[in-house]
Protein backbone atom coordinates (compact mmCIF):
# COMPACT_ATOMS: atom_id res chain seq x y z
CA UNK A 1 4.01 -8.73 -3.60
CA UNK A 2 1.60 -6.91 -1.29
CA UNK A 3 -0.82 -4.78 -3.28
CA UNK A 4 -2.93 -3.52 -0.40
CA UNK A 5 -2.42 -4.02 3.31
CA UNK A 6 -5.67 -3.62 5.21
CA UNK A 7 -6.02 -4.08 8.94
CA UNK A 8 -8.74 -6.40 10.21
CA UNK A 9 -11.91 -4.95 11.69
CA UNK A 10 -13.20 -6.43 14.91
CA UNK A 11 -16.01 -5.17 17.11
CA UNK A 12 -16.84 -6.97 20.36
CA UNK A 13 -20.15 -8.81 20.37
CA UNK A 14 -21.20 -6.86 23.48
CA UNK A 15 -20.39 -3.40 22.02
CA UNK A 16 -23.24 -0.84 22.24
CA UNK A 17 -23.32 -0.51 18.44
CA UNK A 18 -23.75 -4.28 18.06
CA UNK A 19 -26.63 -4.22 20.58
CA UNK A 20 -28.33 -1.42 18.63
CA UNK A 21 -27.96 -3.36 15.38
CA UNK A 22 -29.27 -6.53 17.01
CA UNK A 23 -32.28 -4.64 18.42
CA UNK A 24 -33.08 -3.06 15.06
CA UNK A 25 -32.66 -6.24 13.03
CA UNK A 26 -33.69 -8.95 15.44
CA UNK A 27 -30.41 -10.72 14.57
CA UNK A 28 -29.66 -13.22 17.32
CA UNK A 29 -27.12 -15.45 15.60
CA UNK A 30 -23.40 -15.03 16.36
CA UNK A 31 -21.61 -12.18 14.65
CA UNK A 32 -19.20 -13.50 12.05
CA UNK A 33 -16.26 -12.26 10.09
CA UNK A 34 -15.74 -12.47 6.37
CA UNK A 35 -12.69 -12.86 4.14
CA UNK A 36 -12.92 -9.68 2.11
CA UNK A 37 -12.14 -5.99 2.44
CA UNK A 38 -14.53 -3.11 3.01
CA UNK A 39 -13.97 0.59 3.65
CA UNK A 40 -14.14 -0.30 7.34
CA UNK A 41 -10.49 -1.33 7.07
CA UNK A 42 -9.61 2.26 6.23
CA UNK A 43 -11.72 3.65 9.09
CA UNK A 44 -10.03 1.55 11.79
CA UNK A 45 -6.73 3.23 10.99
CA UNK A 46 -8.17 6.58 12.14
CA UNK A 47 -10.71 5.77 14.84
CA UNK A 48 -11.22 3.52 17.81
CA UNK A 49 -14.99 3.56 17.21
CA UNK A 50 -16.86 0.31 16.88
CA UNK A 51 -17.73 -0.66 13.31
CA UNK A 52 -20.42 -2.95 11.96
CA UNK A 53 -20.56 -3.89 8.28
CA UNK A 54 -24.16 -4.42 7.24
CA UNK A 55 -26.04 -4.01 4.00
CA UNK A 56 -27.78 -5.56 1.04
CA UNK A 57 -26.38 -7.80 -1.62
CA UNK A 58 -24.34 -10.95 -1.96
CA UNK A 59 -20.62 -10.56 -1.29
CA UNK A 60 -19.80 -13.13 -3.97
CA UNK A 61 -21.25 -10.75 -6.59
CA UNK A 62 -19.44 -7.63 -5.39
CA UNK A 63 -17.25 -5.69 -7.82
CA UNK A 64 -18.04 -7.91 -10.79
CA UNK A 65 -19.14 -6.86 -14.24
CA UNK A 66 -22.54 -8.42 -13.60
CA UNK A 67 -22.93 -7.26 -9.98
CA UNK A 68 -26.57 -6.78 -9.00
CA UNK A 69 -28.83 -6.37 -5.97
CA UNK A 70 -32.54 -7.11 -5.80
CA UNK A 71 -34.63 -3.94 -5.57
CA UNK A 72 -36.41 -5.41 -2.55
CA UNK A 73 -33.03 -5.78 -0.78
CA UNK A 74 -32.22 -2.12 -1.41
CA UNK A 75 -35.59 -1.04 -0.02
CA UNK A 76 -35.17 -3.31 3.00
CA UNK A 77 -31.69 -1.87 3.61
CA UNK A 78 -33.07 1.68 3.45
CA UNK A 79 -35.67 0.78 6.09
CA UNK A 80 -32.97 -0.88 8.18
CA UNK A 81 -30.70 2.18 8.01
CA UNK A 82 -33.61 4.40 9.04
CA UNK A 83 -34.40 2.10 11.99
CA UNK A 84 -30.74 2.02 12.99
CA UNK A 85 -30.57 5.80 12.89
CA UNK A 86 -33.58 6.04 15.17
CA UNK A 87 -32.37 3.35 17.55
CA UNK A 88 -28.85 4.72 17.65
CA UNK A 89 -30.25 8.16 18.46
CA UNK A 90 -32.26 6.67 21.31
CA UNK A 91 -29.23 4.79 22.65
CA UNK A 92 -26.99 7.87 22.69
C-alpha cells in the first residue's frame, strides 16, 4: 500500500543556485542525494525552480521523540541562511 507518493528532487550540480550555495558554504564535495522526504518533494510538483535542501541537524534524528539539534548548529545555520540571502541577491 502506498501511503505517500513523493517525486524525487534533483538539481543539476551546475545550477546557479548550487553555485551560490557552494560560494556561501565553501562546499566543494559532490552534491549527494538522500533516502528521505522533505517538503522539497511538494515544491517540485508546482515549480521548475532549482531546489537545494540544506540545514542543521542529523537526518537520522529527524521526527523522533528525542529529536534534537545543537544550539551551535542552529546559530551556524542562521548565519548560513543570511549569507545565502546576500549571495543570492548579488547573483540575481
